[in-house]
């Protein structure tokens, strides 16, 4: 009898333990997500702070982060995607939409998960026109971007320049020659490699009112047009408007906050997107302001870029798509997240976030002014073929050859035309085979 009572007692205790454990709930297994982006220190610090806050609010979620400079980001992403090692939350630039869409739509269509990510405060036309193709929304835009010029006000005053929102290319060259004539070590303008490519794209679009490459992968310009573009590159260098390529190439993949010549006041102006301003404003030891980028007199299209800042996307191979979507929804829509990240990805595309930051005075006046200047004279949307990375590399190559003095504009323009036609035929054939 004692043995039976002892066995019964053990059974009762075991059952109570099971019941109590069930009442307390099963402990959730931690979910790990990786989040990648590019940018400057201000953006990195704010993003990490937001990630840490999200993990405090969601103890079962661990978010590992990967950040780097823009110049190496896309190539690393393509390598990760080919090997199946891409993060669960990926930052995507609008320039890559055409290329990525042609690869079998490797990211979830955000339109299909709009019940998980609230898009009600985003302008529908904007995200449809700039963040995807034919109903395929590749990501959620963090902000609205506008391309413009940033300048050192002390530099302009020192060399007797007057900033204006209606400079054309000739006025830019005159101002650059004026600066360099007073000080052979001073240069008005320096450009990243991306913007150097835009010199050619801008000149073509301003002349014809159309993107340089149409949707059928055909060039919308002549060899003579490209000779003129290469001639502009040479004039920028010969007038001293731009530094010699031997100097500027050292910094063509970074922004002004990492360039000694800018911080020391010997280079006075650059071109970039508004979302990249906060780090430069913070790092610069002088007052800076913005102006509209130059437009050809009588232009049919300003070619001033209006676009989303980086978009947050979820790869189709993501193991935890619902958790990734929950983080993006919080990052984009939660007032606390908005407060933390501020304008580090430009002025928010989310209207409620924009209103919150404006009310709290958390949007940089330089970011606001550059965006306003771009919106006031914005160009038509760029298409995927014009933004294609292979075509950009060809333009960059010949621009550098002219800039270094290795090739005359006449030869470079003709060869650039031929190489672009070859590249476009290859791209067209590749798309047809997919």
Protein backbone atom coordinates (compact mmCIF):
# COMPACT_ATOMS: atom_id res chain seq x y z
CA UNK A 1 0.00 0.00 0.00
CA UNK A 2 2.81 2.43 0.89
CA UNK A 3 4.51 1.74 -2.46
CA UNK A 4 1.22 2.38 -4.33
CA UNK A 5 0.68 5.66 -2.44
CA UNK A 6 4.28 6.71 -3.22
CA UNK A 7 3.79 5.97 -6.94
CA UNK A 8 0.52 7.91 -6.97
CA UNK A 9 2.20 10.88 -5.29
CA UNK A 10 4.96 10.92 -7.89
CA UNK A 11 2.39 10.79 -10.69
CA UNK A 12 0.39 13.66 -9.19
CA UNK A 13 3.53 15.78 -8.83
CA UNK A 14 4.52 15.06 -12.41
CA UNK A 15 1.09 16.02 -13.67
CA UNK A 16 1.11 19.23 -11.62
CA UNK A 17 4.53 20.09 -13.03
CA UNK A 18 3.26 19.58 -16.59
CA UNK A 19 0.15 21.66 -15.92
CA UNK A 20 2.14 24.49 -14.32
CA UNK A 21 4.64 24.50 -17.15
CA UNK A 22 1.79 24.69 -19.66
CA UNK A 23 0.20 27.61 -17.80
CA UNK A 24 3.46 29.55 -17.82
CA UNK A 25 3.66 29.20 -21.61
CA UNK A 26 6.28 27.70 -23.82
CA UNK A 27 9.40 29.88 -24.07
CA UNK A 28 9.80 31.26 -27.57
CA UNK A 29 12.87 30.32 -29.53
CA UNK A 30 14.89 33.43 -30.49
CA UNK A 31 14.64 34.49 -34.13
CA UNK A 32 17.71 36.01 -35.77
CA UNK A 33 17.39 38.52 -38.61
CA UNK A 34 20.20 40.26 -40.49
CA UNK A 35 19.74 43.83 -41.72
CA UNK A 36 22.10 45.48 -44.23
CA UNK A 37 22.46 49.11 -45.34
CA UNK A 38 25.00 51.69 -46.52
CA UNK A 39 25.72 55.28 -45.54
CA UNK A 40 27.66 57.58 -43.24
CA UNK A 41 28.28 57.52 -39.50
CA UNK A 42 25.17 59.51 -38.60
CA UNK A 43 22.95 56.99 -40.37
CA UNK A 44 24.81 54.02 -38.89
CA UNK A 45 24.53 55.30 -35.31
CA UNK A 46 20.82 56.10 -35.59
CA UNK A 47 19.98 52.78 -37.22
CA UNK A 48 21.86 50.76 -34.62
CA UNK A 49 20.07 52.67 -31.85
CA UNK A 50 16.71 51.85 -33.45
CA UNK A 51 17.64 48.17 -33.81
CA UNK A 52 18.63 47.98 -30.15
CA UNK A 53 15.34 49.55 -29.11
CA UNK A 54 13.37 47.07 -31.23
CA UNK A 55 15.18 44.16 -29.58
CA UNK A 56 14.29 45.58 -26.16
CA UNK A 57 10.64 45.59 -27.19
CA UNK A 58 10.83 42.14 -28.82
CA UNK A 59 13.02 39.91 -26.66
CA UNK A 60 12.63 36.89 -28.95
CA UNK A 61 14.15 38.78 -31.92
CA UNK A 62 17.88 39.25 -32.49
CA UNK A 63 18.86 41.62 -35.29
CA UNK A 64 22.42 41.47 -36.57
CA UNK A 65 23.51 44.41 -38.70
CA UNK A 66 25.85 44.88 -41.64
CA UNK A 67 26.71 48.37 -42.89
CA UNK A 68 29.28 49.71 -45.30
CA UNK A 69 29.97 52.39 -47.89
CA UNK A 70 27.76 52.66 -50.96
CA UNK A 71 30.51 51.83 -53.46
CA UNK A 72 30.93 48.20 -52.33
CA UNK A 73 27.38 47.49 -51.18
CA UNK A 74 25.69 46.37 -54.41
CA UNK A 75 28.43 44.01 -55.50
CA UNK A 76 28.44 42.37 -52.07
CA UNK A 77 24.64 42.03 -52.20
CA UNK A 78 24.79 40.34 -55.62
CA UNK A 79 27.47 37.96 -54.33
CA UNK A 80 25.35 37.13 -51.27
CA UNK A 81 22.25 36.56 -53.40
CA UNK A 82 24.07 34.21 -55.77
CA UNK A 83 25.28 32.19 -52.78
CA UNK A 84 22.01 32.32 -50.84
CA UNK A 85 23.61 34.20 -47.91
CA UNK A 86 21.75 37.52 -48.23
CA UNK A 87 20.30 39.20 -45.12
CA UNK A 88 16.61 38.93 -44.22
CA UNK A 89 16.15 42.71 -44.46
CA UNK A 90 17.99 44.28 -47.39
CA UNK A 91 18.46 47.92 -48.35
CA UNK A 92 17.98 48.47 -52.09
CA UNK A 93 18.70 51.52 -54.25
CA UNK A 94 16.13 52.54 -56.87
CA UNK A 95 18.85 52.37 -59.55
CA UNK A 96 18.94 48.58 -59.16
CA UNK A 97 15.22 47.90 -59.63
CA UNK A 98 15.50 47.09 -63.33
CA UNK A 99 18.44 44.72 -62.86
CA UNK A 100 16.93 42.99 -59.83
CA UNK A 101 13.49 42.63 -61.42
CA UNK A 102 15.11 40.97 -64.43
CA UNK A 103 16.61 38.34 -62.12
CA UNK A 104 13.29 36.65 -61.42
CA UNK A 105 12.01 39.05 -58.75
CA UNK A 106 14.25 37.96 -55.86
CA UNK A 107 12.34 39.98 -53.24
CA UNK A 108 8.81 39.65 -51.90
CA UNK A 109 6.24 41.90 -53.53
CA UNK A 110 5.40 44.36 -50.77
CA UNK A 111 1.93 44.77 -52.30
CA UNK A 112 1.26 41.14 -51.37
CA UNK A 113 2.02 41.74 -47.67
CA UNK A 114 0.40 45.16 -47.23
CA UNK A 115 -1.57 43.66 -44.35
CA UNK A 116 1.76 43.33 -42.50
CA UNK A 117 3.42 46.60 -43.56
CA UNK A 118 1.19 49.66 -43.34
CA UNK A 119 1.54 51.75 -46.51
CA UNK A 120 -1.40 54.07 -45.83
CA UNK A 121 0.81 57.12 -45.12
CA UNK A 122 2.87 56.69 -48.33
CA UNK A 123 2.01 58.46 -51.58
CA UNK A 124 0.73 55.68 -53.80
CA UNK A 125 1.81 57.27 -57.09
CA UNK A 126 5.31 57.83 -55.75
CA UNK A 127 5.89 54.24 -54.65
CA UNK A 128 4.29 52.82 -57.80
CA UNK A 129 6.42 55.01 -60.10
CA UNK A 130 9.73 54.76 -58.28
CA UNK A 131 9.80 51.62 -56.14
CA UNK A 132 8.88 48.86 -58.53
CA UNK A 133 7.59 47.82 -61.93
CA UNK A 134 4.18 46.69 -63.19
CA UNK A 135 2.65 46.12 -59.76
CA UNK A 136 5.80 44.54 -58.33
CA UNK A 137 6.79 46.69 -55.33
CA UNK A 138 10.37 45.69 -54.52
CA UNK A 139 10.64 47.53 -51.20
CA UNK A 140 9.34 50.25 -48.90
CA UNK A 141 11.01 53.66 -49.44
CA UNK A 142 12.62 55.17 -46.37
CA UNK A 143 12.51 58.68 -47.77
CA UNK A 144 12.15 61.01 -50.72
CA UNK A 145 15.41 62.08 -52.29
CA UNK A 146 16.40 64.92 -54.54
CA UNK A 147 19.78 65.45 -56.20
CA UNK A 148 21.39 68.86 -55.87
CA UNK A 149 24.56 70.81 -55.17
CA UNK A 150 26.09 71.35 -51.74
CA UNK A 151 28.56 74.21 -51.24
CA UNK A 152 30.81 75.81 -48.65
CA UNK A 153 29.43 79.33 -48.09
CA UNK A 154 32.82 80.62 -46.89
CA UNK A 155 34.44 79.28 -50.07
CA UNK A 156 31.87 81.07 -52.26
CA UNK A 157 32.40 84.32 -50.37
CA UNK A 158 36.18 84.04 -50.54
CA UNK A 159 36.21 83.63 -54.32
CA UNK A 160 33.40 86.07 -55.08
CA UNK A 161 30.78 83.54 -56.21
CA UNK A 162 27.02 83.95 -55.92
CA UNK A 163 24.99 80.77 -55.56
CA UNK A 164 21.89 80.53 -57.72
CA UNK A 165 19.22 78.00 -58.60
CA UNK A 166 19.51 78.77 -62.32
CA UNK A 167 23.17 78.09 -63.13
CA UNK A 168 23.75 76.43 -66.50
CA UNK A 169 26.85 74.49 -67.56
CA UNK A 170 28.65 77.56 -68.93
CA UNK A 171 28.11 79.48 -65.70
CA UNK A 172 29.49 76.51 -63.75
CA UNK A 173 32.63 76.51 -65.89
CA UNK A 174 33.03 80.30 -65.57
CA UNK A 175 32.76 80.06 -61.79
CA UNK A 176 35.24 77.18 -61.68
CA UNK A 177 37.76 79.05 -63.82
CA UNK A 178 37.36 82.12 -61.62
CA UNK A 179 38.20 80.12 -58.49
CA UNK A 180 41.16 78.31 -60.00
CA UNK A 181 42.51 81.55 -61.45
CA UNK A 182 42.79 83.01 -57.94
CA UNK A 183 44.33 79.90 -56.36
CA UNK A 184 45.80 77.04 -58.37
CA UNK A 185 45.22 74.66 -55.45
CA UNK A 186 41.52 75.53 -55.18
CA UNK A 187 38.77 73.82 -57.19
CA UNK A 188 35.08 74.58 -57.24
CA UNK A 189 33.66 71.12 -57.94
CA UNK A 190 34.41 67.51 -57.08
CA UNK A 191 32.28 64.53 -58.04
CA UNK A 192 31.79 60.95 -56.95
CA UNK A 193 32.03 58.35 -59.69
CA UNK A 194 28.22 58.04 -59.77
CA UNK A 195 27.79 61.76 -60.42
CA UNK A 196 30.54 61.75 -63.04
CA UNK A 197 28.39 59.24 -64.93
CA UNK A 198 25.40 61.54 -64.45
CA UNK A 199 27.20 64.31 -66.35
CA UNK A 200 26.70 62.32 -69.55
CA UNK A 201 23.18 61.17 -68.68
CA UNK A 202 22.15 64.70 -67.70
CA UNK A 203 23.46 66.34 -70.86
CA UNK A 204 21.62 63.85 -73.07
CA UNK A 205 18.36 64.10 -71.15
CA UNK A 206 18.50 67.89 -71.02
CA UNK A 207 19.04 68.00 -74.79
CA UNK A 208 16.35 65.54 -75.86
CA UNK A 209 13.91 65.48 -72.95
CA UNK A 210 14.18 61.67 -72.78
CA UNK A 211 16.22 59.14 -70.85
CA UNK A 212 19.52 58.28 -72.48
CA UNK A 213 18.37 54.67 -73.07
CA UNK A 214 14.76 53.76 -73.79
CA UNK A 215 12.84 50.78 -72.43
CA UNK A 216 13.79 48.73 -75.50
CA UNK A 217 17.49 49.08 -74.60
CA UNK A 218 18.16 51.52 -77.45
CA UNK A 219 20.37 54.60 -77.22
CA UNK A 220 18.46 57.85 -77.67
CA UNK A 221 21.50 59.84 -78.79
CA UNK A 222 24.15 59.97 -81.50
CA UNK A 223 27.92 59.46 -81.36
CA UNK A 224 28.26 63.23 -81.80
CA UNK A 225 26.17 63.77 -78.64
CA UNK A 226 28.52 61.57 -76.66
CA UNK A 227 31.52 63.45 -78.06
CA UNK A 228 29.95 66.61 -76.59
CA UNK A 229 29.56 64.84 -73.23
CA UNK A 230 33.20 63.80 -73.21
CA UNK A 231 34.17 67.34 -74.21
CA UNK A 232 32.36 68.60 -71.11
CA UNK A 233 34.42 66.26 -68.93
CA UNK A 234 37.61 67.63 -70.46
CA UNK A 235 36.47 71.25 -70.02
CA UNK A 236 35.66 70.65 -66.35
CA UNK A 237 39.26 69.53 -65.81
CA UNK A 238 41.03 71.97 -68.16
CA UNK A 239 39.35 75.02 -66.61
CA UNK A 240 40.31 73.82 -63.14
CA UNK A 241 36.63 73.59 -62.22
CA UNK A 242 37.36 70.03 -61.14
CA UNK A 243 40.62 68.83 -59.57
CA UNK A 244 42.96 66.73 -61.71
CA UNK A 245 41.69 63.17 -61.88
CA UNK A 246 44.90 62.00 -60.22
CA UNK A 247 43.68 63.79 -57.07
CA UNK A 248 39.92 63.40 -57.23
CA UNK A 249 39.92 59.68 -58.07
CA UNK A 250 41.22 58.98 -54.56
CA UNK A 251 37.88 60.14 -53.17
CA UNK A 252 35.35 59.30 -55.88
CA UNK A 253 33.68 56.53 -53.87
CA UNK A 254 33.17 58.50 -50.62
CA UNK A 255 31.23 61.59 -49.60
CA UNK A 256 32.54 64.99 -48.53
CA UNK A 257 32.69 64.20 -44.82
CA UNK A 258 35.62 61.85 -45.60
CA UNK A 259 37.53 64.16 -47.96
CA UNK A 260 40.34 66.32 -46.50
CA UNK A 261 40.20 68.82 -49.39
CA UNK A 262 36.56 69.58 -48.59
CA UNK A 263 37.03 69.72 -44.84
CA UNK A 264 40.07 71.99 -45.25
CA UNK A 265 38.20 74.33 -47.60
CA UNK A 266 40.15 73.88 -50.84
CA UNK A 267 37.31 72.13 -52.73
CA UNK A 268 34.08 74.07 -52.49
CA UNK A 269 31.13 72.27 -54.06
CA UNK A 270 29.83 68.78 -54.77
CA UNK A 271 26.72 67.04 -56.05
CA UNK A 272 24.77 64.41 -54.15
CA UNK A 273 21.37 63.29 -52.91
CA UNK A 274 19.72 65.02 -49.97
CA UNK A 275 19.72 61.86 -47.84
CA UNK A 276 23.53 61.98 -47.64
CA UNK A 277 23.66 65.49 -46.17
CA UNK A 278 23.36 64.96 -42.39
CA UNK A 279 26.82 63.38 -41.97
CA UNK A 280 28.44 66.10 -44.11
CA UNK A 281 26.68 68.92 -42.26
CA UNK A 282 27.81 67.39 -38.97
CA UNK A 283 31.44 66.94 -40.05
CA UNK A 284 32.03 70.24 -41.87
CA UNK A 285 33.80 72.99 -39.85
CA UNK A 286 32.05 75.73 -41.84
CA UNK A 287 28.54 76.71 -42.87
CA UNK A 288 27.16 74.91 -45.88
CA UNK A 289 24.15 75.53 -48.09
CA UNK A 290 22.48 73.99 -51.13
CA UNK A 291 21.54 75.00 -54.66
CA UNK A 292 19.94 73.32 -57.66
CA UNK A 293 22.33 71.36 -59.89
CA UNK A 294 23.14 72.89 -63.28
CA UNK A 295 20.74 72.65 -66.22
CA UNK A 296 21.54 73.34 -69.88
CA UNK A 297 20.02 76.56 -71.21
CA UNK A 298 16.82 75.69 -73.08
CA UNK A 299 16.75 72.15 -71.67
CA UNK A 300 13.75 69.97 -72.55
CA UNK A 301 14.05 68.18 -69.21
CA UNK A 302 15.98 69.37 -66.16
CA UNK A 303 17.27 65.80 -65.47
CA UNK A 304 17.18 66.72 -61.76
CA UNK A 305 16.71 63.38 -60.03
CA UNK A 306 13.75 62.82 -57.72
CA UNK A 307 13.74 59.34 -56.26
CA UNK A 308 13.25 57.27 -53.13
CA UNK A 309 16.14 56.92 -50.74
CA UNK A 310 17.05 53.34 -49.94
CA UNK A 311 14.16 50.92 -49.87
CA UNK A 312 13.82 48.09 -47.36
CA UNK A 313 13.14 44.76 -49.04
CA UNK A 314 12.64 41.14 -47.96
CA UNK A 315 14.28 38.39 -50.05
CA UNK A 316 11.95 35.63 -51.20
CA UNK A 317 14.39 33.17 -49.58
CA UNK A 318 13.91 34.81 -46.16
CA UNK A 319 13.31 32.15 -43.48
CA UNK A 320 11.30 34.55 -41.28
CA UNK A 321 9.35 36.87 -43.63
CA UNK A 322 6.67 37.77 -41.09
CA UNK A 323 9.24 38.84 -38.49
CA UNK A 324 11.17 40.81 -41.12
CA UNK A 325 7.94 42.54 -42.19
CA UNK A 326 7.11 43.33 -38.55
CA UNK A 327 10.47 45.06 -38.10
CA UNK A 328 10.10 47.07 -41.32
CA UNK A 329 6.59 48.12 -40.28
CA UNK A 330 7.91 49.31 -36.90
CA UNK A 331 10.97 51.00 -38.42
CA UNK A 332 8.83 52.94 -40.91
CA UNK A 333 5.69 53.71 -38.93
CA UNK A 334 6.37 53.69 -35.17
CA UNK A 335 6.74 57.22 -33.67
CA UNK A 336 9.65 56.11 -31.47
CA UNK A 337 11.54 54.62 -34.42
CA UNK A 338 10.87 57.76 -36.46
CA UNK A 339 12.21 59.92 -33.62
CA UNK A 340 15.40 57.85 -33.41
CA UNK A 341 16.23 57.71 -37.14
CA UNK A 342 15.17 61.29 -37.95
CA UNK A 343 16.32 62.46 -41.40
CA UNK A 344 19.29 60.09 -41.67
CA UNK A 345 17.66 58.50 -44.73
CA UNK A 346 16.36 61.78 -46.12
CA UNK A 347 12.97 63.34 -45.55
CA UNK A 348 10.59 60.43 -44.81
CA UNK A 349 8.36 59.18 -47.61
CA UNK A 350 5.83 58.42 -44.84
CA UNK A 351 3.72 61.60 -44.50
CA UNK A 352 2.97 61.00 -40.80
CA UNK A 353 6.70 60.56 -40.08
CA UNK A 354 7.45 63.73 -42.03
CA UNK A 355 4.88 65.71 -40.03
CA UNK A 356 6.28 64.36 -36.75
CA UNK A 357 9.89 65.32 -37.58
CA UNK A 358 8.91 68.76 -38.88
CA UNK A 359 6.93 69.42 -35.71
CA UNK A 360 9.90 68.38 -33.56
CA UNK A 361 12.42 70.34 -35.65
CA UNK A 362 14.39 67.19 -36.50
CA UNK A 363 14.78 67.70 -40.25
CA UNK A 364 18.01 69.40 -41.29
CA UNK A 365 17.42 72.73 -43.09
CA UNK A 366 19.96 71.69 -45.74
CA UNK A 367 18.08 68.45 -46.40
CA UNK A 368 14.82 70.41 -46.68
CA UNK A 369 16.25 73.05 -49.00
CA UNK A 370 17.91 70.56 -51.36
CA UNK A 371 14.71 68.53 -51.64
CA UNK A 372 12.60 71.67 -52.21
CA UNK A 373 14.98 72.85 -54.95
CA UNK A 374 14.87 69.45 -56.64
CA UNK A 375 11.08 69.16 -56.41
CA UNK A 376 10.64 72.66 -57.82
CA UNK A 377 12.42 71.67 -61.04
CA UNK A 378 12.46 67.89 -60.98
CA UNK A 379 13.04 65.83 -64.09
CA UNK A 380 11.01 62.90 -65.38
CA UNK A 381 11.63 59.47 -63.80
CA UNK A 382 14.68 57.51 -64.88
CA UNK A 383 14.14 54.04 -66.28
CA UNK A 384 15.93 50.78 -65.57
CA UNK A 385 18.01 50.55 -68.76
CA UNK A 386 19.44 54.05 -68.28
CA UNK A 387 20.42 53.17 -64.71
CA UNK A 388 21.90 49.80 -65.64
CA UNK A 389 25.17 49.19 -63.81
CA UNK A 390 27.01 47.78 -66.84
CA UNK A 391 26.14 50.84 -68.92
CA UNK A 392 27.23 53.10 -66.06
CA UNK A 393 30.58 51.30 -65.92
CA UNK A 394 31.14 51.93 -69.65
CA UNK A 395 30.37 55.64 -69.28
CA UNK A 396 32.63 55.87 -66.24
CA UNK A 397 35.49 54.17 -68.08
CA UNK A 398 35.55 56.62 -70.99
CA UNK A 399 34.94 59.62 -68.73
CA UNK A 400 38.06 58.65 -66.79
CA UNK A 401 40.11 58.15 -69.94
CA UNK A 402 39.22 61.68 -71.04
CA UNK A 403 39.70 63.08 -67.55
CA UNK A 404 43.18 61.59 -67.33
CA UNK A 405 44.02 62.89 -70.81
CA UNK A 406 44.51 59.38 -72.15
CA UNK A 407 41.93 59.82 -74.92
CA UNK A 408 40.56 62.76 -76.90
CA UNK A 409 36.81 63.47 -76.58
CA UNK A 410 36.22 62.76 -80.29
CA UNK A 411 37.62 59.24 -80.03
CA UNK A 412 36.13 58.58 -76.60
CA UNK A 413 32.63 59.66 -77.65
CA UNK A 414 32.65 57.40 -80.71
CA UNK A 415 33.99 54.39 -78.81
CA UNK A 416 31.59 55.05 -75.92
CA UNK A 417 28.70 54.91 -78.38
CA UNK A 418 29.92 51.63 -79.88
CA UNK A 419 30.50 50.01 -76.49
CA UNK A 420 27.11 51.09 -75.19
CA UNK A 421 25.37 49.64 -78.27
CA UNK A 422 27.26 46.37 -77.75
CA UNK A 423 26.41 46.29 -74.03
CA UNK A 424 22.74 47.01 -74.68
CA UNK A 425 22.49 44.25 -77.29
CA UNK A 426 23.98 41.83 -74.78
CA UNK A 427 21.54 42.95 -72.07
CA UNK A 428 18.60 42.70 -74.44
CA UNK A 429 19.60 39.18 -75.45
CA UNK A 430 20.06 38.16 -71.81
CA UNK A 431 16.61 39.44 -70.88
CA UNK A 432 15.03 37.62 -73.81
CA UNK A 433 16.57 34.32 -72.68
CA UNK A 434 15.27 34.57 -69.11
